[in-house]
């Protein structure tokens, strides 16, 4: 009877449906959604291709001032070629020169998925936020990033690959491919 006298635990309120910030198949240019900041982006045969290669960043930026502190994003892509790093990924909390980035690299010297960041002009690539893994050229990849405050879960092709806790407070910023 004592157990029956205890009140049932409160039922949490239903989750609020997340706001869809952007959805794009990248089959054609969408200047209302994306700004080309750098690179030679071409839409051909219903696909977006980055034609320029080299050791520079080629960037599309989402036309939204700031992304929420909790979000999930997915990017499907195929790396066809490149000069050295052959990396594709996303940056978020882009403000000034600072950002957090998650990328897949098909680098011949060690392909991987990596969480990294640039804060106060210093770029950091922590080994604890990296997973060595095959990232073959000409193979479709899906990168999923789940962010809850400072916690990041990174999935590659539906498989959990990296869990990382950022060592700093996030700042509101934009999202870039």
N, C-alpha and C. Protein backbone atom coordinates (compact mmCIF):
# COMPACT_ATOMS: atom_id res chain seq x y z
N UNK A 1 0.82 -1.19 0.00
CA UNK A 1 0.00 0.00 0.00
C UNK A 1 0.86 1.25 0.00
N UNK A 2 2.03 1.19 0.65
CA UNK A 2 2.89 2.36 0.70
C UNK A 2 3.35 2.74 -0.71
N UNK A 3 3.64 1.72 -1.49
CA UNK A 3 4.07 1.99 -2.86
C UNK A 3 2.93 2.58 -3.68
N UNK A 4 1.73 2.10 -3.44
CA UNK A 4 0.58 2.61 -4.19
C UNK A 4 0.27 4.04 -3.79
N UNK A 5 0.65 4.41 -2.55
CA UNK A 5 0.36 5.76 -2.08
C UNK A 5 1.29 6.79 -2.71
N UNK A 6 2.44 6.33 -3.20
CA UNK A 6 3.36 7.27 -3.84
C UNK A 6 2.74 7.78 -5.13
N UNK A 7 2.95 9.04 -5.37
CA UNK A 7 2.42 9.64 -6.59
C UNK A 7 3.22 9.13 -7.79
N UNK A 8 2.54 8.93 -8.86
CA UNK A 8 3.20 8.52 -10.10
C UNK A 8 4.13 9.65 -10.53
N UNK A 9 5.25 9.30 -11.13
CA UNK A 9 6.16 10.36 -11.59
C UNK A 9 5.45 11.24 -12.62
N UNK A 10 5.80 12.52 -12.63
CA UNK A 10 5.13 13.41 -13.60
C UNK A 10 5.46 12.99 -15.02
N UNK A 11 4.51 13.13 -15.86
CA UNK A 11 4.69 12.81 -17.27
C UNK A 11 5.28 14.04 -17.95
N UNK A 12 6.43 13.88 -18.62
CA UNK A 12 7.02 15.05 -19.26
C UNK A 12 6.12 15.55 -20.39
N UNK A 13 6.17 16.84 -20.63
CA UNK A 13 5.36 17.36 -21.75
C UNK A 13 5.88 16.79 -23.06
N UNK A 14 5.00 16.68 -24.05
CA UNK A 14 5.46 16.15 -25.34
C UNK A 14 6.53 17.07 -25.93
N UNK A 15 7.44 16.46 -26.65
CA UNK A 15 8.51 17.23 -27.28
C UNK A 15 7.91 18.20 -28.29
N UNK A 16 8.46 19.37 -28.31
CA UNK A 16 8.04 20.36 -29.29
C UNK A 16 8.67 19.99 -30.62
N UNK A 17 7.88 19.92 -31.68
CA UNK A 17 8.48 19.59 -32.97
C UNK A 17 9.57 20.62 -33.32
N UNK A 18 10.68 20.12 -33.81
CA UNK A 18 11.79 21.01 -34.16
C UNK A 18 11.43 21.83 -35.39
N UNK A 19 11.92 23.02 -35.40
CA UNK A 19 11.73 23.90 -36.55
C UNK A 19 12.69 23.46 -37.65
N UNK A 20 12.17 23.27 -38.85
CA UNK A 20 13.02 22.93 -39.99
C UNK A 20 13.65 24.23 -40.48
N UNK A 21 14.96 24.31 -40.36
CA UNK A 21 15.66 25.54 -40.75
C UNK A 21 15.93 25.61 -42.23
N UNK A 22 16.26 24.46 -42.81
CA UNK A 22 16.58 24.44 -44.24
C UNK A 22 16.53 23.00 -44.73
N UNK A 23 16.08 22.86 -45.95
CA UNK A 23 16.12 21.56 -46.61
C UNK A 23 16.42 21.84 -48.07
N UNK A 24 17.44 21.17 -48.57
CA UNK A 24 17.84 21.43 -49.95
C UNK A 24 18.41 20.15 -50.54
N UNK A 25 17.93 19.77 -51.70
CA UNK A 25 18.45 18.59 -52.40
C UNK A 25 19.68 18.96 -53.23
N UNK A 26 19.97 20.25 -53.35
CA UNK A 26 21.10 20.76 -54.13
C UNK A 26 21.02 20.34 -55.60
N UNK A 27 19.80 20.17 -56.10
CA UNK A 27 19.64 19.82 -57.51
C UNK A 27 19.70 21.05 -58.41
N UNK A 28 19.50 22.22 -57.82
CA UNK A 28 19.61 23.47 -58.56
C UNK A 28 20.00 24.58 -57.59
N UNK A 29 20.48 25.67 -58.13
CA UNK A 29 20.90 26.80 -57.29
C UNK A 29 19.73 27.29 -56.45
N UNK A 30 20.01 27.69 -55.24
CA UNK A 30 18.97 28.19 -54.34
C UNK A 30 19.51 29.42 -53.62
N UNK A 31 19.62 30.55 -54.33
CA UNK A 31 20.23 31.75 -53.75
C UNK A 31 19.41 32.35 -52.59
N UNK A 32 18.15 31.97 -52.46
CA UNK A 32 17.37 32.44 -51.32
C UNK A 32 17.80 31.73 -50.04
N UNK A 33 18.41 30.55 -50.17
CA UNK A 33 18.83 29.75 -49.03
C UNK A 33 20.33 29.81 -48.77
N UNK A 34 21.14 29.90 -49.84
CA UNK A 34 22.59 29.82 -49.71
C UNK A 34 23.28 31.00 -50.36
N UNK A 35 24.37 31.43 -49.76
CA UNK A 35 25.26 32.42 -50.34
C UNK A 35 26.57 31.73 -50.66
N UNK A 36 27.06 31.89 -51.88
CA UNK A 36 28.36 31.34 -52.25
C UNK A 36 29.42 32.32 -51.75
N UNK A 37 30.25 31.86 -50.81
CA UNK A 37 31.31 32.72 -50.27
C UNK A 37 32.63 32.52 -51.01
N UNK A 38 32.89 31.29 -51.46
CA UNK A 38 34.12 31.02 -52.18
C UNK A 38 33.97 29.70 -52.93
N UNK A 39 34.82 29.53 -53.94
CA UNK A 39 34.81 28.28 -54.70
C UNK A 39 34.10 28.42 -56.03
N UNK A 40 34.13 27.35 -56.77
CA UNK A 40 33.53 27.29 -58.10
C UNK A 40 32.42 26.23 -58.06
N UNK A 41 31.27 26.63 -57.53
CA UNK A 41 30.13 25.73 -57.35
C UNK A 41 29.30 25.71 -58.63
N UNK A 42 29.02 24.51 -59.14
CA UNK A 42 28.22 24.35 -60.36
C UNK A 42 27.13 23.32 -60.12
N UNK A 43 25.94 23.64 -60.62
CA UNK A 43 24.83 22.69 -60.58
C UNK A 43 24.75 22.08 -61.98
N UNK A 44 25.00 20.77 -62.07
CA UNK A 44 24.99 20.08 -63.36
C UNK A 44 24.26 18.75 -63.21
N UNK A 45 23.36 18.50 -64.13
CA UNK A 45 22.62 17.24 -64.15
C UNK A 45 21.97 16.93 -62.80
N UNK A 46 21.40 17.96 -62.17
CA UNK A 46 20.69 17.77 -60.92
C UNK A 46 21.58 17.53 -59.71
N UNK A 47 22.85 17.89 -59.81
CA UNK A 47 23.78 17.72 -58.69
C UNK A 47 24.65 18.96 -58.54
N UNK A 48 25.04 19.21 -57.30
CA UNK A 48 25.95 20.31 -57.01
C UNK A 48 27.37 19.76 -57.00
N UNK A 49 28.27 20.45 -57.71
CA UNK A 49 29.68 20.04 -57.75
C UNK A 49 30.55 21.23 -57.41
N UNK A 50 31.55 20.97 -56.58
CA UNK A 50 32.58 21.96 -56.31
C UNK A 50 33.72 21.64 -57.27
N UNK A 51 33.95 22.53 -58.22
CA UNK A 51 34.90 22.26 -59.30
C UNK A 51 36.33 22.61 -58.91
N UNK A 52 36.47 23.52 -57.96
CA UNK A 52 37.80 24.00 -57.59
C UNK A 52 38.42 23.07 -56.55
N UNK A 53 39.72 22.80 -56.67
CA UNK A 53 40.42 22.00 -55.68
C UNK A 53 41.60 22.80 -55.15
N UNK A 54 42.17 22.34 -54.08
CA UNK A 54 43.32 23.02 -53.49
C UNK A 54 43.20 23.07 -51.99
N UNK A 55 44.17 23.67 -51.37
CA UNK A 55 44.25 23.71 -49.90
C UNK A 55 43.52 24.93 -49.33
N UNK A 56 42.42 25.30 -49.94
CA UNK A 56 41.61 26.42 -49.45
C UNK A 56 40.22 25.90 -49.12
N UNK A 57 39.44 26.71 -48.43
CA UNK A 57 38.06 26.36 -48.12
C UNK A 57 37.15 26.93 -49.19
N UNK A 58 36.21 26.11 -49.65
CA UNK A 58 35.23 26.55 -50.63
C UNK A 58 33.88 26.42 -49.97
N UNK A 59 33.18 27.54 -49.82
CA UNK A 59 32.12 27.63 -48.82
C UNK A 59 30.80 28.13 -49.39
N UNK A 60 29.71 27.42 -48.98
CA UNK A 60 28.34 27.90 -49.12
C UNK A 60 27.86 28.24 -47.71
N UNK A 61 27.21 29.38 -47.55
CA UNK A 61 26.72 29.76 -46.22
C UNK A 61 25.20 29.85 -46.22
N UNK A 62 24.60 29.23 -45.22
CA UNK A 62 23.16 29.29 -45.06
C UNK A 62 22.75 30.73 -44.76
N UNK A 63 21.74 31.22 -45.47
CA UNK A 63 21.26 32.60 -45.27
C UNK A 63 20.35 32.65 -44.06
N UNK A 64 20.94 32.54 -42.91
CA UNK A 64 20.20 32.65 -41.65
C UNK A 64 21.19 33.19 -40.64
N UNK A 65 20.76 34.13 -39.85
CA UNK A 65 21.69 34.80 -38.93
C UNK A 65 22.33 33.84 -37.94
N UNK A 66 21.54 33.00 -37.28
CA UNK A 66 22.10 32.09 -36.28
C UNK A 66 21.28 30.81 -36.25
N UNK A 67 21.94 29.73 -35.93
CA UNK A 67 21.26 28.45 -35.79
C UNK A 67 20.98 28.22 -34.30
N UNK A 68 20.04 27.37 -33.96
CA UNK A 68 19.71 27.14 -32.56
C UNK A 68 20.84 26.43 -31.81
N UNK A 69 20.79 26.48 -30.48
CA UNK A 69 21.83 25.81 -29.69
C UNK A 69 21.71 24.29 -29.79
N UNK A 70 20.52 23.79 -30.02
CA UNK A 70 20.29 22.36 -30.21
C UNK A 70 19.78 22.16 -31.63
N UNK A 71 20.48 21.33 -32.40
CA UNK A 71 20.03 21.09 -33.78
C UNK A 71 20.61 19.78 -34.29
N UNK A 72 20.03 19.33 -35.41
CA UNK A 72 20.55 18.17 -36.13
C UNK A 72 20.63 18.55 -37.59
N UNK A 73 21.70 18.13 -38.23
CA UNK A 73 21.85 18.41 -39.65
C UNK A 73 22.43 17.18 -40.33
N UNK A 74 22.06 17.01 -41.59
CA UNK A 74 22.56 15.90 -42.39
C UNK A 74 23.06 16.44 -43.72
N UNK A 75 24.15 15.86 -44.17
CA UNK A 75 24.71 16.23 -45.46
C UNK A 75 25.10 14.96 -46.18
N UNK A 76 24.50 14.73 -47.34
CA UNK A 76 24.87 13.59 -48.18
C UNK A 76 25.73 14.08 -49.33
N UNK A 77 26.80 13.35 -49.63
CA UNK A 77 27.72 13.80 -50.68
C UNK A 77 28.58 12.64 -51.15
N UNK A 78 29.26 12.87 -52.27
CA UNK A 78 30.24 11.93 -52.81
C UNK A 78 31.49 12.73 -53.14
N UNK A 79 32.62 12.35 -52.56
CA UNK A 79 33.90 12.99 -52.89
C UNK A 79 34.44 12.31 -54.13
N UNK A 80 34.64 13.08 -55.19
CA UNK A 80 35.07 12.52 -56.46
C UNK A 80 36.57 12.61 -56.66
N UNK A 81 37.17 13.70 -56.19
CA UNK A 81 38.58 13.94 -56.46
C UNK A 81 39.05 15.08 -55.57
N UNK A 82 40.28 15.43 -55.71
CA UNK A 82 40.86 16.54 -54.97
C UNK A 82 42.36 16.44 -55.06
N UNK A 83 43.04 17.47 -54.57
CA UNK A 83 44.49 17.47 -54.65
C UNK A 83 45.13 16.75 -53.48
N UNK A 84 44.78 17.11 -52.25
CA UNK A 84 45.42 16.49 -51.09
C UNK A 84 44.39 15.98 -50.10
N UNK A 85 43.68 16.90 -49.44
CA UNK A 85 42.86 16.54 -48.29
C UNK A 85 41.54 15.88 -48.66
N UNK A 86 40.92 16.31 -49.72
CA UNK A 86 39.65 15.71 -50.19
C UNK A 86 38.62 15.67 -49.05
N UNK A 87 38.39 16.82 -48.44
CA UNK A 87 37.51 16.91 -47.27
C UNK A 87 36.20 17.61 -47.61
N UNK A 88 35.12 17.11 -46.99
CA UNK A 88 33.80 17.73 -47.12
C UNK A 88 33.18 17.73 -45.74
N UNK A 89 32.53 18.83 -45.39
CA UNK A 89 31.90 18.87 -44.07
C UNK A 89 31.08 20.12 -43.86
N UNK A 90 30.78 20.35 -42.60
CA UNK A 90 29.95 21.48 -42.19
C UNK A 90 30.64 22.27 -41.10
N UNK A 91 30.42 23.57 -41.11
CA UNK A 91 30.84 24.43 -40.02
C UNK A 91 29.59 25.03 -39.42
N UNK A 92 29.61 25.22 -38.11
CA UNK A 92 28.51 25.93 -37.47
C UNK A 92 29.08 26.86 -36.42
N UNK A 93 28.21 27.72 -35.88
CA UNK A 93 28.62 28.77 -34.96
C UNK A 93 29.71 29.64 -35.59
N UNK A 94 29.57 29.87 -36.90
CA UNK A 94 30.54 30.70 -37.61
C UNK A 94 30.25 32.15 -37.26
N UNK A 95 31.21 32.76 -36.62
CA UNK A 95 31.11 34.18 -36.26
C UNK A 95 32.51 34.76 -36.22
N UNK A 96 32.71 35.84 -36.96
CA UNK A 96 34.07 36.36 -37.09
C UNK A 96 34.91 35.28 -37.75
N UNK A 97 36.07 35.01 -37.21
CA UNK A 97 36.90 33.93 -37.75
C UNK A 97 36.72 32.62 -37.01
N UNK A 98 35.84 32.59 -36.01
CA UNK A 98 35.66 31.38 -35.19
C UNK A 98 34.58 30.47 -35.77
N UNK A 99 34.70 29.16 -35.48
CA UNK A 99 33.70 28.19 -35.91
C UNK A 99 33.99 26.83 -35.28
N UNK A 100 33.01 25.96 -35.38
CA UNK A 100 33.17 24.54 -35.07
C UNK A 100 32.95 23.83 -36.40
N UNK A 101 33.77 22.81 -36.69
CA UNK A 101 33.57 22.10 -37.95
C UNK A 101 33.62 20.60 -37.74
N UNK A 102 32.89 19.91 -38.59
CA UNK A 102 32.86 18.45 -38.62
C UNK A 102 33.02 18.07 -40.09
N UNK A 103 33.99 17.19 -40.35
CA UNK A 103 34.23 16.85 -41.75
C UNK A 103 34.70 15.41 -41.91
N UNK A 104 34.52 14.92 -43.13
CA UNK A 104 35.08 13.64 -43.56
C UNK A 104 36.21 13.95 -44.54
N UNK A 105 37.32 13.27 -44.39
CA UNK A 105 38.46 13.47 -45.27
C UNK A 105 38.85 12.15 -45.93
N UNK A 106 39.05 12.20 -47.23
CA UNK A 106 39.52 11.03 -47.99
C UNK A 106 41.02 11.10 -48.22
N UNK A 107 41.73 11.80 -47.35
CA UNK A 107 43.17 11.98 -47.45
C UNK A 107 43.87 10.61 -47.50
N UNK A 108 44.72 10.43 -48.50
CA UNK A 108 45.38 9.13 -48.68
C UNK A 108 46.28 8.77 -47.50
N UNK A 109 46.79 9.76 -46.79
CA UNK A 109 47.66 9.50 -45.65
C UNK A 109 46.92 9.17 -44.37
N UNK A 110 45.60 9.15 -44.41
CA UNK A 110 44.82 8.83 -43.22
C UNK A 110 43.42 9.41 -43.30
N UNK A 111 42.49 8.70 -43.91
CA UNK A 111 41.11 9.19 -44.01
C UNK A 111 40.47 9.11 -42.63
N UNK A 112 39.50 10.04 -42.40
CA UNK A 112 38.94 10.16 -41.06
C UNK A 112 37.67 11.00 -41.05
N UNK A 113 36.99 10.95 -39.90
CA UNK A 113 35.97 11.92 -39.56
C UNK A 113 36.55 12.71 -38.38
N UNK A 114 36.37 14.03 -38.39
CA UNK A 114 37.02 14.89 -37.40
C UNK A 114 36.08 16.00 -36.95
N UNK A 115 36.08 16.25 -35.64
CA UNK A 115 35.49 17.46 -35.08
C UNK A 115 36.66 18.37 -34.76
N UNK A 116 36.58 19.61 -35.16
CA UNK A 116 37.66 20.57 -34.90
C UNK A 116 37.03 21.94 -34.70
N UNK A 117 37.83 22.89 -34.26
CA UNK A 117 37.30 24.23 -34.07
C UNK A 117 38.40 25.27 -34.19
N UNK A 118 37.94 26.47 -34.45
CA UNK A 118 38.82 27.63 -34.46
C UNK A 118 38.22 28.63 -33.48
N UNK A 119 38.99 28.95 -32.45
CA UNK A 119 38.56 29.90 -31.43
C UNK A 119 39.70 30.88 -31.18
N UNK A 120 39.37 32.16 -31.22
CA UNK A 120 40.37 33.21 -30.96
C UNK A 120 41.60 33.05 -31.86
N UNK A 121 41.36 32.70 -33.12
CA UNK A 121 42.44 32.59 -34.10
C UNK A 121 43.24 31.30 -34.03
N UNK A 122 42.91 30.39 -33.12
CA UNK A 122 43.67 29.14 -32.99
C UNK A 122 42.84 27.96 -33.46
N UNK A 123 43.37 27.23 -34.45
CA UNK A 123 42.71 26.05 -34.99
C UNK A 123 43.13 24.84 -34.16
N UNK A 124 42.15 24.02 -33.72
CA UNK A 124 42.41 22.85 -32.88
C UNK A 124 41.77 21.62 -33.53
N UNK A 125 42.56 20.55 -33.65
CA UNK A 125 42.11 19.26 -34.18
C UNK A 125 42.38 18.19 -33.11
N UNK A 126 41.51 18.06 -32.11
CA UNK A 126 41.79 17.11 -31.03
C UNK A 126 41.72 15.65 -31.49
N UNK A 127 42.71 14.87 -31.07
CA UNK A 127 42.71 13.45 -31.42
C UNK A 127 41.52 12.72 -30.81
N UNK A 128 41.03 13.22 -29.67
CA UNK A 128 39.89 12.58 -29.00
C UNK A 128 38.57 12.84 -29.73
N UNK A 129 38.59 13.74 -30.72
CA UNK A 129 37.39 14.06 -31.49
C UNK A 129 37.56 13.65 -32.95
N UNK A 130 38.28 12.54 -33.15
CA UNK A 130 38.58 12.05 -34.48
C UNK A 130 38.43 10.53 -34.50
N UNK A 131 37.98 10.02 -35.64
CA UNK A 131 37.95 8.57 -35.83
C UNK A 131 38.56 8.27 -37.19
N UNK A 132 39.65 7.50 -37.20
CA UNK A 132 40.21 7.03 -38.46
C UNK A 132 39.22 6.03 -39.06
N UNK A 133 38.97 6.16 -40.33
CA UNK A 133 38.00 5.27 -40.98
C UNK A 133 38.17 5.38 -42.49
N UNK A 134 37.81 4.36 -43.23
CA UNK A 134 37.86 4.47 -44.69
C UNK A 134 36.82 5.50 -45.18
N UNK A 135 37.27 6.38 -46.03
CA UNK A 135 36.37 7.34 -46.70
C UNK A 135 36.73 7.28 -48.18
N UNK A 136 36.26 6.24 -48.86
CA UNK A 136 36.68 6.05 -50.25
C UNK A 136 36.12 7.11 -51.19
N UNK A 137 36.90 7.42 -52.20
CA UNK A 137 36.43 8.31 -53.26
C UNK A 137 35.31 7.61 -54.02
N UNK A 138 34.43 8.40 -54.61
CA UNK A 138 33.34 7.90 -55.46
C UNK A 138 32.34 7.03 -54.72
N UNK A 139 32.25 7.18 -53.41
CA UNK A 139 31.28 6.44 -52.61
C UNK A 139 30.41 7.44 -51.86
N UNK A 140 29.12 7.26 -51.93
CA UNK A 140 28.18 8.15 -51.25
C UNK A 140 28.40 8.08 -49.74
N UNK A 141 28.43 9.25 -49.10
CA UNK A 141 28.60 9.37 -47.65
C UNK A 141 27.44 10.19 -47.10
N UNK A 142 27.04 9.89 -45.88
CA UNK A 142 26.06 10.73 -45.19
C UNK A 142 26.63 11.10 -43.83
N UNK A 143 26.79 12.38 -43.62
CA UNK A 143 27.31 12.93 -42.38
C UNK A 143 26.15 13.54 -41.60
N UNK A 144 25.91 13.03 -40.40
CA UNK A 144 24.85 13.54 -39.53
C UNK A 144 25.51 14.11 -38.28
N UNK A 145 25.12 15.32 -37.93
CA UNK A 145 25.66 15.98 -36.75
C UNK A 145 24.49 16.34 -35.85
N UNK A 146 24.54 15.84 -34.61
CA UNK A 146 23.51 16.14 -33.61
C UNK A 146 24.17 16.97 -32.52
N UNK A 147 23.65 18.16 -32.31
CA UNK A 147 24.26 19.09 -31.36
C UNK A 147 23.25 19.42 -30.27
N UNK A 148 23.66 19.25 -29.02
CA UNK A 148 22.85 19.63 -27.86
C UNK A 148 23.76 20.44 -26.95
N UNK A 149 23.63 21.76 -27.03
CA UNK A 149 24.55 22.60 -26.27
C UNK A 149 25.97 22.38 -26.75
N UNK A 150 26.86 21.96 -25.83
CA UNK A 150 28.27 21.74 -26.17
C UNK A 150 28.55 20.30 -26.63
N UNK A 151 27.55 19.42 -26.55
CA UNK A 151 27.72 18.00 -26.89
C UNK A 151 27.44 17.76 -28.37
N UNK A 152 28.37 17.07 -29.04
CA UNK A 152 28.22 16.72 -30.45
C UNK A 152 28.26 15.21 -30.61
N UNK A 153 27.29 14.66 -31.33
CA UNK A 153 27.31 13.27 -31.77
C UNK A 153 27.40 13.31 -33.28
N UNK A 154 28.39 12.61 -33.81
CA UNK A 154 28.62 12.61 -35.26
C UNK A 154 28.42 11.18 -35.76
N UNK A 155 27.54 11.05 -36.74
CA UNK A 155 27.29 9.75 -37.36
C UNK A 155 27.77 9.79 -38.81
N UNK A 156 28.35 8.69 -39.24
CA UNK A 156 28.74 8.54 -40.64
C UNK A 156 27.98 7.35 -41.18
N UNK A 157 27.19 7.60 -42.18
CA UNK A 157 26.36 6.55 -42.79
C UNK A 157 25.51 5.83 -41.75
N UNK A 158 24.96 6.60 -40.81
CA UNK A 158 24.05 6.07 -39.80
C UNK A 158 24.74 5.43 -38.60
N UNK A 159 26.06 5.38 -38.58
CA UNK A 159 26.81 4.74 -37.50
C UNK A 159 27.48 5.82 -36.64
N UNK A 160 27.28 5.74 -35.32
CA UNK A 160 27.91 6.70 -34.42
C UNK A 160 29.42 6.58 -34.54
N UNK A 161 30.09 7.70 -34.85
CA UNK A 161 31.53 7.69 -35.09
C UNK A 161 32.30 8.49 -34.04
N UNK A 162 31.80 9.66 -33.66
CA UNK A 162 32.50 10.54 -32.72
C UNK A 162 31.50 11.17 -31.77
N UNK A 163 31.85 11.18 -30.50
CA UNK A 163 31.12 11.93 -29.49
C UNK A 163 32.13 12.92 -28.91
N UNK A 164 31.78 14.19 -28.90
CA UNK A 164 32.72 15.20 -28.44
C UNK A 164 32.00 16.27 -27.62
N UNK A 165 32.64 16.69 -26.55
CA UNK A 165 32.13 17.79 -25.73
C UNK A 165 33.05 18.98 -25.96
N UNK A 166 32.50 20.04 -26.51
CA UNK A 166 33.30 21.23 -26.79
C UNK A 166 33.81 21.82 -25.47
N UNK A 167 35.06 22.23 -25.40
CA UNK A 167 35.62 22.76 -24.16
C UNK A 167 35.35 24.25 -23.95
N UNK A 168 34.40 24.79 -24.68
CA UNK A 168 34.07 26.21 -24.58
C UNK A 168 32.58 26.37 -24.81
N UNK A 169 32.04 27.48 -24.39
CA UNK A 169 30.63 27.79 -24.64
C UNK A 169 30.46 28.15 -26.09
N UNK A 170 29.40 27.68 -26.68
CA UNK A 170 29.12 27.99 -28.08
C UNK A 170 28.63 29.43 -28.20
N UNK A 171 28.85 29.98 -29.40
CA UNK A 171 28.37 31.32 -29.72
C UNK A 171 27.43 31.23 -30.92
N UNK A 172 26.40 31.99 -30.89
CA UNK A 172 25.45 31.99 -32.01
C UNK A 172 26.17 32.42 -33.28
N UNK A 173 25.98 31.64 -34.32
CA UNK A 173 26.60 31.95 -35.60
C UNK A 173 25.88 31.22 -36.73
N UNK A 174 26.45 31.30 -37.91
CA UNK A 174 25.82 30.73 -39.09
C UNK A 174 26.29 29.30 -39.35
N UNK A 175 25.71 28.68 -40.37
CA UNK A 175 26.05 27.33 -40.80
C UNK A 175 26.64 27.41 -42.20
N UNK A 176 27.71 26.64 -42.42
CA UNK A 176 28.35 26.62 -43.74
C UNK A 176 28.62 25.19 -44.18
N UNK A 177 28.58 24.99 -45.51
CA UNK A 177 29.01 23.73 -46.12
C UNK A 177 30.38 23.99 -46.71
